Amino acid sequence: MNYLKHLTEFFDRIMQDQNLNPTRISLYMVLFQFWNVNRFQNPITITRDEVMQSSKIYSKATYQKFRRELNEKGFLRYEPSFNPYKGSSVHLIDFSAE
């Protein structure tokens, strides 16, 4: 995974998509940082509360909507966990490989 190439491609994509506002970008950047901490291994395991706190999103509905939109736009692949004691899985897409 080429960190700089990935971020350059990410910023190219957000400049082309007018719907990606600062809150959506913040959510993605938090997930990207979690991916970075995990040495870019997919999937990463997340908890909604931790991601919301880090990205400064205070509404669960907003968080879910923006996470779903990032999934639909091909920035990540989200796999929910229906177990309250286990986090959900997120696969971030490696833009540096494209």
PDB file of N, CA and C in Angstrom:
ATOM      1  N   MET A   1       0.852  -1.167   0.000  1.00  0.00           N
ATOM      2  CA  MET A   1       0.000   0.000   0.000  1.00  0.00           C
ATOM      3  C   MET A   1       0.899   1.230   0.000  1.00  0.00           C
ATOM      4  N   ASN A   2       0.731   2.059  -0.987  1.00  0.00           N
ATOM      5  CA  ASN A   2       1.491   3.300  -1.081  1.00  0.00           C
ATOM      6  C   ASN A   2       0.645   4.415  -0.454  1.00  0.00           C
ATOM      7  N   TYR A   3       1.064   4.844   0.731  1.00  0.00           N
ATOM      8  CA  TYR A   3       0.331   5.817   1.540  1.00  0.00           C
ATOM      9  C   TYR A   3       0.063   7.110   0.775  1.00  0.00           C
ATOM     10  N   LEU A   4       1.098   7.692   0.188  1.00  0.00           N
ATOM     11  CA  LEU A   4       0.934   8.967  -0.510  1.00  0.00           C
ATOM     12  C   LEU A   4       0.082   8.839  -1.768  1.00  0.00           C
ATOM     13  N   LYS A   5       0.287   7.774  -2.516  1.00  0.00           N
ATOM     14  CA  LYS A   5      -0.511   7.566  -3.722  1.00  0.00           C
ATOM     15  C   LYS A   5      -1.985   7.370  -3.359  1.00  0.00           C
ATOM     16  N   HIS A   6      -2.223   6.631  -2.278  1.00  0.00           N
ATOM     17  CA  HIS A   6      -3.591   6.405  -1.821  1.00  0.00           C
ATOM     18  C   HIS A   6      -4.265   7.731  -1.463  1.00  0.00           C
ATOM     19  N   LEU A   7      -3.600   8.542  -0.649  1.00  0.00           N
ATOM     20  CA  LEU A   7      -4.203   9.810  -0.241  1.00  0.00           C
ATOM     21  C   LEU A   7      -4.391  10.756  -1.425  1.00  0.00           C
ATOM     22  N   THR A   8      -3.449  10.765  -2.352  1.00  0.00           N
ATOM     23  CA  THR A   8      -3.593  11.603  -3.538  1.00  0.00           C
ATOM     24  C   THR A   8      -4.827  11.189  -4.335  1.00  0.00           C
ATOM     25  N   GLU A   9      -5.013   9.891  -4.534  1.00  0.00           N
ATOM     26  CA  GLU A   9      -6.191   9.397  -5.253  1.00  0.00           C
ATOM     27  C   GLU A   9      -7.473   9.705  -4.478  1.00  0.00           C
ATOM     28  N   PHE A  10      -7.432   9.560  -3.158  1.00  0.00           N
ATOM     29  CA  PHE A  10      -8.602   9.888  -2.343  1.00  0.00           C
ATOM     30  C   PHE A  10      -8.999  11.356  -2.535  1.00  0.00           C
ATOM     31  N   PHE A  11      -8.023  12.260  -2.442  1.00  0.00           N
ATOM     32  CA  PHE A  11      -8.333  13.675  -2.598  1.00  0.00           C
ATOM     33  C   PHE A  11      -8.783  14.006  -4.019  1.00  0.00           C
ATOM     34  N   ASP A  12      -8.255  13.324  -5.013  1.00  0.00           N
ATOM     35  CA  ASP A  12      -8.758  13.502  -6.379  1.00  0.00           C
ATOM     36  C   ASP A  12     -10.234  13.112  -6.449  1.00  0.00           C
ATOM     37  N   ARG A  13     -10.585  12.022  -5.793  1.00  0.00           N
ATOM     38  CA  ARG A  13     -11.977  11.557  -5.815  1.00  0.00           C
ATOM     39  C   ARG A  13     -12.911  12.520  -5.098  1.00  0.00           C
ATOM     40  N   ILE A  14     -12.464  13.056  -3.974  1.00  0.00           N
ATOM     41  CA  ILE A  14     -13.375  13.955  -3.252  1.00  0.00           C
ATOM     42  C   ILE A  14     -13.525  15.288  -3.960  1.00  0.00           C
ATOM     43  N   MET A  15     -12.524  15.705  -4.712  1.00  0.00           N
ATOM     44  CA  MET A  15     -12.662  16.942  -5.478  1.00  0.00           C
ATOM     45  C   MET A  15     -13.661  16.774  -6.618  1.00  0.00           C
ATOM     46  N   GLN A  16     -13.827  15.557  -7.119  1.00  0.00           N
ATOM     47  CA  GLN A  16     -14.754  15.293  -8.224  1.00  0.00           C
ATOM     48  C   GLN A  16     -16.189  15.070  -7.741  1.00  0.00           C
ATOM     49  N   ASP A  17     -16.374  14.799  -6.458  1.00  0.00           N
ATOM     50  CA  ASP A  17     -17.703  14.477  -5.925  1.00  0.00           C
ATOM     51  C   ASP A  17     -18.158  15.584  -4.973  1.00  0.00           C
ATOM     52  N   GLN A  18     -19.079  16.405  -5.422  1.00  0.00           N
ATOM     53  CA  GLN A  18     -19.554  17.542  -4.628  1.00  0.00           C
ATOM     54  C   GLN A  18     -20.332  17.117  -3.378  1.00  0.00           C
ATOM     55  N   ASN A  19     -20.779  15.862  -3.320  1.00  0.00           N
ATOM     56  CA  ASN A  19     -21.541  15.387  -2.166  1.00  0.00           C
ATOM     57  C   ASN A  19     -20.662  15.011  -0.980  1.00  0.00           C
ATOM     58  N   LEU A  20     -19.369  14.914  -1.205  1.00  0.00           N
ATOM     59  CA  LEU A  20     -18.479  14.543  -0.102  1.00  0.00           C
ATOM     60  C   LEU A  20     -18.095  15.790   0.685  1.00  0.00           C
ATOM     61  N   ASN A  21     -18.881  16.053   1.723  1.00  0.00           N
ATOM     62  CA  ASN A  21     -18.669  17.239   2.544  1.00  0.00           C
ATOM     63  C   ASN A  21     -17.650  16.948   3.659  1.00  0.00           C
ATOM     64  N   PRO A  22     -17.299  17.948   4.452  1.00  0.00           N
ATOM     65  CA  PRO A  22     -16.277  17.748   5.485  1.00  0.00           C
ATOM     66  C   PRO A  22     -16.584  16.639   6.485  1.00  0.00           C
ATOM     67  N   THR A  23     -17.839  16.423   6.816  1.00  0.00           N
ATOM     68  CA  THR A  23     -18.168  15.365   7.772  1.00  0.00           C
ATOM     69  C   THR A  23     -17.909  13.984   7.174  1.00  0.00           C
ATOM     70  N   ARG A  24     -18.245  13.788   5.929  1.00  0.00           N
ATOM     71  CA  ARG A  24     -17.966  12.512   5.271  1.00  0.00           C
ATOM     72  C   ARG A  24     -16.455  12.300   5.148  1.00  0.00           C
ATOM     73  N   ILE A  25     -15.735  13.358   4.839  1.00  0.00           N
ATOM     74  CA  ILE A  25     -14.279  13.271   4.721  1.00  0.00           C
ATOM     75  C   ILE A  25     -13.672  12.945   6.084  1.00  0.00           C
ATOM     76  N   SER A  26     -14.184  13.562   7.132  1.00  0.00           N
ATOM     77  CA  SER A  26     -13.710  13.288   8.485  1.00  0.00           C
ATOM     78  C   SER A  26     -13.916  11.816   8.843  1.00  0.00           C
ATOM     79  N   LEU A  27     -15.076  11.293   8.527  1.00  0.00           N
ATOM     80  CA  LEU A  27     -15.358   9.883   8.802  1.00  0.00           C
ATOM     81  C   LEU A  27     -14.370   8.995   8.054  1.00  0.00           C
ATOM     82  N   TYR A  28     -14.153   9.272   6.790  1.00  0.00           N
ATOM     83  CA  TYR A  28     -13.213   8.455   6.022  1.00  0.00           C
ATOM     84  C   TYR A  28     -11.801   8.547   6.604  1.00  0.00           C
ATOM     85  N   MET A  29     -11.372   9.749   6.968  1.00  0.00           N
ATOM     86  CA  MET A  29     -10.013   9.925   7.471  1.00  0.00           C
ATOM     87  C   MET A  29      -9.804   9.190   8.796  1.00  0.00           C
ATOM     88  N   VAL A  30     -10.826   9.137   9.625  1.00  0.00           N
ATOM     89  CA  VAL A  30     -10.727   8.363  10.869  1.00  0.00           C
ATOM     90  C   VAL A  30     -10.590   6.881  10.543  1.00  0.00           C
ATOM     91  N   LEU A  31     -11.390   6.388   9.615  1.00  0.00           N
ATOM     92  CA  LEU A  31     -11.282   4.974   9.226  1.00  0.00           C
ATOM     93  C   LEU A  31      -9.922   4.702   8.590  1.00  0.00           C
ATOM     94  N   PHE A  32      -9.432   5.634   7.787  1.00  0.00           N
ATOM     95  CA  PHE A  32      -8.116   5.495   7.179  1.00  0.00           C
ATOM     96  C   PHE A  32      -7.036   5.418   8.259  1.00  0.00           C
ATOM     97  N   GLN A  33      -7.151   6.245   9.292  1.00  0.00           N
ATOM     98  CA  GLN A  33      -6.162   6.213  10.369  1.00  0.00           C
ATOM     99  C   GLN A  33      -6.207   4.883  11.116  1.00  0.00           C
ATOM    100  N   PHE A  34      -7.395   4.353  11.360  1.00  0.00           N
ATOM    101  CA  PHE A  34      -7.493   3.030  11.992  1.00  0.00           C
ATOM    102  C   PHE A  34      -6.829   1.976  11.114  1.00  0.00           C
ATOM    103  N   TRP A  35      -7.041   2.081   9.811  1.00  0.00           N
ATOM    104  CA  TRP A  35      -6.414   1.161   8.856  1.00  0.00           C
ATOM    105  C   TRP A  35      -4.894   1.299   8.916  1.00  0.00           C
ATOM    106  N   ASN A  36      -4.419   2.531   8.993  1.00  0.00           N
ATOM    107  CA  ASN A  36      -2.988   2.813   9.090  1.00  0.00           C
ATOM    108  C   ASN A  36      -2.405   2.186  10.364  1.00  0.00           C
ATOM    109  N   VAL A  37      -3.062   2.379  11.492  1.00  0.00           N
ATOM    110  CA  VAL A  37      -2.602   1.817  12.762  1.00  0.00           C
ATOM    111  C   VAL A  37      -2.530   0.291  12.679  1.00  0.00           C
ATOM    112  N   ASN A  38      -3.421  -0.299  11.899  1.00  0.00           N
ATOM    113  CA  ASN A  38      -3.432  -1.754  11.715  1.00  0.00           C
ATOM    114  C   ASN A  38      -2.556  -2.188  10.547  1.00  0.00           C
ATOM    115  N   ARG A  39      -1.650  -1.323  10.142  1.00  0.00           N
ATOM    116  CA  ARG A  39      -0.668  -1.603   9.095  1.00  0.00           C
ATOM    117  C   ARG A  39      -1.324  -1.994   7.763  1.00  0.00           C
ATOM    118  N   PHE A  40      -2.443  -1.353   7.488  1.00  0.00           N
ATOM    119  CA  PHE A  40      -3.165  -1.508   6.225  1.00  0.00           C
ATOM    120  C   PHE A  40      -3.625  -2.945   5.970  1.00  0.00           C
ATOM    121  N   GLN A  41      -3.917  -3.654   7.049  1.00  0.00           N
ATOM    122  CA  GLN A  41      -4.471  -4.997   6.935  1.00  0.00           C
ATOM    123  C   GLN A  41      -5.992  -4.890   6.913  1.00  0.00           C
ATOM    124  N   ASN A  42      -6.618  -5.560   5.967  1.00  0.00           N
ATOM    125  CA  ASN A  42      -8.068  -5.620   5.902  1.00  0.00           C
ATOM    126  C   ASN A  42      -8.535  -6.958   6.412  1.00  0.00           C
ATOM    127  N   PRO A  43      -9.672  -7.012   7.072  1.00  0.00           N
ATOM    128  CA  PRO A  43     -10.501  -5.888   7.486  1.00  0.00           C
ATOM    129  C   PRO A  43      -9.991  -5.296   8.804  1.00  0.00           C
ATOM    130  N   ILE A  44     -10.474  -4.087   9.104  1.00  0.00           N
ATOM    131  CA  ILE A  44     -10.260  -3.516  10.427  1.00  0.00           C
ATOM    132  C   ILE A  44     -11.556  -3.706  11.199  1.00  0.00           C
ATOM    133  N   THR A  45     -11.450  -3.770  12.499  1.00  0.00           N
ATOM    134  CA  THR A  45     -12.628  -3.892  13.352  1.00  0.00           C
ATOM    135  C   THR A  45     -12.860  -2.545  14.019  1.00  0.00           C
ATOM    136  N   ILE A  46     -14.093  -2.071  13.927  1.00  0.00           N
ATOM    137  CA  ILE A  46     -14.426  -0.757  14.492  1.00  0.00           C
ATOM    138  C   ILE A  46     -15.634  -0.873  15.407  1.00  0.00           C
ATOM    139  N   THR A  47     -15.740   0.107  16.291  1.00  0.00           N
ATOM    140  CA  THR A  47     -16.972   0.282  17.059  1.00  0.00           C
ATOM    141  C   THR A  47     -17.538   1.641  16.690  1.00  0.00           C
ATOM    142  N   ARG A  48     -18.830   1.699  16.582  1.00  0.00           N
ATOM    143  CA  ARG A  48     -19.500   2.934  16.184  1.00  0.00           C
ATOM    144  C   ARG A  48     -19.123   4.083  17.116  1.00  0.00           C
ATOM    145  N   ASP A  49     -19.145   3.860  18.419  1.00  0.00           N
ATOM    146  CA  ASP A  49     -18.880   4.935  19.366  1.00  0.00           C
ATOM    147  C   ASP A  49     -17.477   5.513  19.202  1.00  0.00           C
ATOM    148  N   GLU A  50     -16.498   4.650  19.011  1.00  0.00           N
ATOM    149  CA  GLU A  50     -15.118   5.116  18.846  1.00  0.00           C
ATOM    150  C   GLU A  50     -14.952   5.938  17.560  1.00  0.00           C
ATOM    151  N   VAL A  51     -15.542   5.459  16.482  1.00  0.00           N
ATOM    152  CA  VAL A  51     -15.442   6.172  15.205  1.00  0.00           C
ATOM    153  C   VAL A  51     -16.202   7.489  15.274  1.00  0.00           C
ATOM    154  N   MET A  52     -17.382   7.488  15.863  1.00  0.00           N
ATOM    155  CA  MET A  52     -18.152   8.725  15.983  1.00  0.00           C
ATOM    156  C   MET A  52     -17.403   9.763  16.810  1.00  0.00           C
ATOM    157  N   GLN A  53     -16.830   9.341  17.916  1.00  0.00           N
ATOM    158  CA  GLN A  53     -16.093  10.272  18.768  1.00  0.00           C
ATOM    159  C   GLN A  53     -14.896  10.857  18.023  1.00  0.00           C
ATOM    160  N   SER A  54     -14.142  10.015  17.340  1.00  0.00           N
ATOM    161  CA  SER A  54     -12.944  10.483  16.637  1.00  0.00           C
ATOM    162  C   SER A  54     -13.273  11.391  15.463  1.00  0.00           C
ATOM    163  N   SER A  55     -14.374  11.116  14.778  1.00  0.00           N
ATOM    164  CA  SER A  55     -14.733  11.912  13.599  1.00  0.00           C
ATOM    165  C   SER A  55     -15.626  13.106  13.942  1.00  0.00           C
ATOM    166  N   LYS A  56     -15.963  13.245  15.220  1.00  0.00           N
ATOM    167  CA  LYS A  56     -16.797  14.366  15.693  1.00  0.00           C
ATOM    168  C   LYS A  56     -18.196  14.344  15.096  1.00  0.00           C
ATOM    169  N   ILE A  57     -18.722  13.148  14.930  1.00  0.00           N
ATOM    170  CA  ILE A  57     -20.102  12.979  14.481  1.00  0.00           C
ATOM    171  C   ILE A  57     -20.916  12.619  15.714  1.00  0.00           C
ATOM    172  N   TYR A  58     -21.950  13.388  15.995  1.00  0.00           N
ATOM    173  CA  TYR A  58     -22.684  13.220  17.240  1.00  0.00           C
ATOM    174  C   TYR A  58     -24.048  12.572  17.081  1.00  0.00           C
ATOM    175  N   SER A  59     -24.438  12.283  15.855  1.00  0.00           N
ATOM    176  CA  SER A  59     -25.728  11.658  15.586  1.00  0.00           C
ATOM    177  C   SER A  59     -25.505  10.275  14.992  1.00  0.00           C
ATOM    178  N   LYS A  60     -26.144   9.269  15.592  1.00  0.00           N
ATOM    179  CA  LYS A  60     -26.025   7.907  15.059  1.00  0.00           C
ATOM    180  C   LYS A  60     -26.600   7.817  13.647  1.00  0.00           C
ATOM    181  N   ALA A  61     -27.686   8.529  13.404  1.00  0.00           N
ATOM    182  CA  ALA A  61     -28.303   8.508  12.074  1.00  0.00           C
ATOM    183  C   ALA A  61     -27.362   9.103  11.031  1.00  0.00           C
ATOM    184  N   THR A  62     -26.692  10.198  11.380  1.00  0.00           N
ATOM    185  CA  THR A  62     -25.732  10.819  10.459  1.00  0.00           C
ATOM    186  C   THR A  62     -24.574   9.887  10.201  1.00  0.00           C
ATOM    187  N   TYR A  63     -24.048   9.287  11.263  1.00  0.00           N
ATOM    188  CA  TYR A  63     -22.945   8.342  11.117  1.00  0.00           C
ATOM    189  C   TYR A  63     -23.336   7.196  10.177  1.00  0.00           C
ATOM    190  N   GLN A  64     -24.492   6.597  10.418  1.00  0.00           N
ATOM    191  CA  GLN A  64     -24.916   5.467   9.598  1.00  0.00           C
ATOM    192  C   GLN A  64     -25.130   5.878   8.147  1.00  0.00           C
ATOM    193  N   LYS A  65     -25.721   7.045   7.938  1.00  0.00           N
ATOM    194  CA  LYS A  65     -25.960   7.528   6.578  1.00  0.00           C
ATOM    195  C   LYS A  65     -24.644   7.745   5.835  1.00  0.00           C
ATOM    196  N   PHE A  66     -23.694   8.415   6.473  1.00  0.00           N
ATOM    197  CA  PHE A  66     -22.435   8.722   5.808  1.00  0.00           C
ATOM    198  C   PHE A  66     -21.589   7.466   5.609  1.00  0.00           C
ATOM    199  N   ARG A  67     -21.625   6.553   6.572  1.00  0.00           N
ATOM    200  CA  ARG A  67     -20.896   5.289   6.415  1.00  0.00           C
ATOM    201  C   ARG A  67     -21.477   4.497   5.242  1.00  0.00           C
ATOM    202  N   ARG A  68     -22.790   4.465   5.141  1.00  0.00           N
ATOM    203  CA  ARG A  68     -23.452   3.771   4.033  1.00  0.00           C
ATOM    204  C   ARG A  68     -23.091   4.411   2.693  1.00  0.00           C
ATOM    205  N   GLU A  69     -23.054   5.753   2.643  1.00  0.00           N
ATOM    206  CA  GLU A  69     -22.701   6.445   1.404  1.00  0.00           C
ATOM    207  C   GLU A  69     -21.253   6.148   0.992  1.00  0.00           C
ATOM    208  N   LEU A  70     -20.335   6.127   1.942  1.00  0.00           N
ATOM    209  CA  LEU A  70     -18.941   5.796   1.611  1.00  0.00           C
ATOM    210  C   LEU A  70     -18.848   4.366   1.075  1.00  0.00           C
ATOM    211  N   ASN A  71     -19.659   3.488   1.616  1.00  0.00           N
ATOM    212  CA  ASN A  71     -19.713   2.109   1.132  1.00  0.00           C
ATOM    213  C   ASN A  71     -20.249   2.078  -0.302  1.00  0.00           C
ATOM    214  N   GLU A  72     -21.345   2.777  -0.555  1.00  0.00           N
ATOM    215  CA  GLU A  72     -21.961   2.795  -1.884  1.00  0.00           C
ATOM    216  C   GLU A  72     -21.064   3.441  -2.940  1.00  0.00           C
ATOM    217  N   LYS A  73     -20.261   4.420  -2.538  1.00  0.00           N
ATOM    218  CA  LYS A  73     -19.383   5.122  -3.477  1.00  0.00           C
ATOM    219  C   LYS A  73     -18.064   4.396  -3.711  1.00  0.00           C
ATOM    220  N   GLY A  74     -17.864   3.260  -3.044  1.00  0.00           N
ATOM    221  CA  GLY A  74     -16.690   2.451  -3.298  1.00  0.00           C
ATOM    222  C   GLY A  74     -15.437   2.850  -2.534  1.00  0.00           C
ATOM    223  N   PHE A  75     -15.604   3.588  -1.440  1.00  0.00           N
ATOM    224  CA  PHE A  75     -14.452   3.948  -0.622  1.00  0.00           C
ATOM    225  C   PHE A  75     -14.106   2.838   0.382  1.00  0.00           C
ATOM    226  N   LEU A  76     -15.097   2.053   0.727  1.00  0.00           N
ATOM    227  CA  LEU A  76     -14.904   0.982   1.702  1.00  0.00           C
ATOM    228  C   LEU A  76     -15.979  -0.071   1.508  1.00  0.00           C
ATOM    229  N   ARG A  77     -15.797  -1.176   2.199  1.00  0.00           N
ATOM    230  CA  ARG A  77     -16.824  -2.229   2.230  1.00  0.00           C
ATOM    231  C   ARG A  77     -17.104  -2.521   3.700  1.00  0.00           C
ATOM    232  N   TYR A  78     -18.319  -2.272   4.108  1.00  0.00           N
ATOM    233  CA  TYR A  78     -18.728  -2.388   5.507  1.00  0.00           C
ATOM    234  C   TYR A  78     -19.462  -3.703   5.729  1.00  0.00           C
ATOM    235  N   GLU A  79     -19.084  -4.406   6.776  1.00  0.00           N
ATOM    236  CA  GLU A  79     -19.752  -5.658   7.152  1.00  0.00           C
ATOM    237  C   GLU A  79     -20.176  -5.542   8.609  1.00  0.00           C
ATOM    238  N   PRO A  80     -21.479  -5.348   8.837  1.00  0.00           N
ATOM    239  CA  PRO A  80     -21.935  -5.144  10.216  1.00  0.00           C
ATOM    240  C   PRO A  80     -21.793  -6.399  11.067  1.00  0.00           C
ATOM    241  N   SER A  81     -21.602  -6.160  12.338  1.00  0.00           N
ATOM    242  CA  SER A  81     -21.627  -7.236  13.320  1.00  0.00           C
ATOM    243  C   SER A  81     -22.906  -7.059  14.112  1.00  0.00           C
ATOM    244  N   PHE A  82     -23.655  -8.084  14.218  1.00  0.00           N
ATOM    245  CA  PHE A  82     -24.896  -7.987  14.974  1.00  0.00           C
ATOM    246  C   PHE A  82     -24.698  -8.451  16.411  1.00  0.00           C
ATOM    247  N   ASN A  83     -23.439  -8.662  16.775  1.00  0.00           N
ATOM    248  CA  ASN A  83     -23.070  -9.032  18.131  1.00  0.00           C
ATOM    249  C   ASN A  83     -22.638  -7.766  18.868  1.00  0.00           C
ATOM    250  N   PRO A  84     -23.306  -7.400  19.956  1.00  0.00           N
ATOM    251  CA  PRO A  84     -22.966  -6.155  20.655  1.00  0.00           C
ATOM    252  C   PRO A  84     -21.571  -6.161  21.295  1.00  0.00           C
ATOM    253  N   TYR A  85     -20.948  -7.322  21.394  1.00  0.00           N
ATOM    254  CA  TYR A  85     -19.622  -7.415  22.015  1.00  0.00           C
ATOM    255  C   TYR A  85     -18.494  -7.506  20.994  1.00  0.00           C
ATOM    256  N   LYS A  86     -18.861  -7.499  19.731  1.00  0.00           N
ATOM    257  CA  LYS A  86     -17.867  -7.613  18.674  1.00  0.00           C
ATOM    258  C   LYS A  86     -18.052  -6.443  17.715  1.00  0.00           C
ATOM    259  N   GLY A  87     -16.972  -5.781  17.328  1.00  0.00           N
ATOM    260  CA  GLY A  87     -17.070  -4.658  16.408  1.00  0.00           C
ATOM    261  C   GLY A  87     -17.392  -5.103  14.991  1.00  0.00           C
ATOM    262  N   SER A  88     -17.781  -4.157  14.184  1.00  0.00           N
ATOM    263  CA  SER A  88     -18.056  -4.418  12.769  1.00  0.00           C
ATOM    264  C   SER A  88     -16.756  -4.413  11.981  1.00  0.00           C
ATOM    265  N   SER A  89     -16.777  -5.039  10.813  1.00  0.00           N
ATOM    266  CA  SER A  89     -15.590  -5.102   9.964  1.00  0.00           C
ATOM    267  C   SER A  89     -15.700  -4.093   8.836  1.00  0.00           C
ATOM    268  N   VAL A  90     -14.581  -3.459   8.542  1.00  0.00           N
ATOM    269  CA  VAL A  90     -14.509  -2.517   7.434  1.00  0.00           C
ATOM    270  C   VAL A  90     -13.295  -2.868   6.592  1.00  0.00           C
ATOM    271  N   HIS A  91     -13.512  -3.020   5.303  1.00  0.00           N
ATOM    272  CA  HIS A  91     -12.432  -3.223   4.342  1.00  0.00           C
ATOM    273  C   HIS A  91     -12.257  -1.893   3.614  1.00  0.00           C
ATOM    274  N   LEU A  92     -11.109  -1.267   3.769  1.00  0.00           N
ATOM    275  CA  LEU A  92     -10.850  -0.050   3.003  1.00  0.00           C
ATOM    276  C   LEU A  92     -10.273  -0.430   1.665  1.00  0.00           C
ATOM    277  N   ILE A  93     -10.669   0.285   0.635  1.00  0.00           N
ATOM    278  CA  ILE A  93     -10.225   0.007  -0.713  1.00  0.00           C
ATOM    279  C   ILE A  93      -8.885   0.703  -0.925  1.00  0.00           C
ATOM    280  N   ASP A  94      -7.916  -0.056  -1.443  1.00  0.00           N
ATOM    281  CA  ASP A  94      -6.566   0.474  -1.682  1.00  0.00           C
ATOM    282  C   ASP A  94      -6.551   1.201  -3.010  1.00  0.00           C
ATOM    283  N   PHE A  95      -6.606   2.529  -2.968  1.00  0.00           N
ATOM    284  CA  PHE A  95      -6.600   3.336  -4.187  1.00  0.00           C
ATOM    285  C   PHE A  95      -5.225   3.374  -4.839  1.00  0.00           C
ATOM    286  N   SER A  96      -4.189   3.051  -4.093  1.00  0.00           N
ATOM    287  CA  SER A  96      -2.840   3.096  -4.677  1.00  0.00           C
ATOM    288  C   SER A  96      -2.614   1.956  -5.664  1.00  0.00           C
ATOM    289  N   ALA A  97      -3.458   0.935  -5.599  1.00  0.00           N
ATOM    290  CA  ALA A  97      -3.317  -0.212  -6.490  1.00  0.00           C
ATOM    291  C   ALA A  97      -4.016   0.011  -7.838  1.00  0.00           C
ATOM    292  N   GLU A  98      -4.797   1.082  -7.929  1.00  0.00           N
ATOM    293  CA  GLU A  98      -5.556   1.334  -9.164  1.00  0.00           C
ATOM    294  C   GLU A  98      -4.733   2.061 -10.187  1.00  0.00           C
TER     295      GLU A  98
END
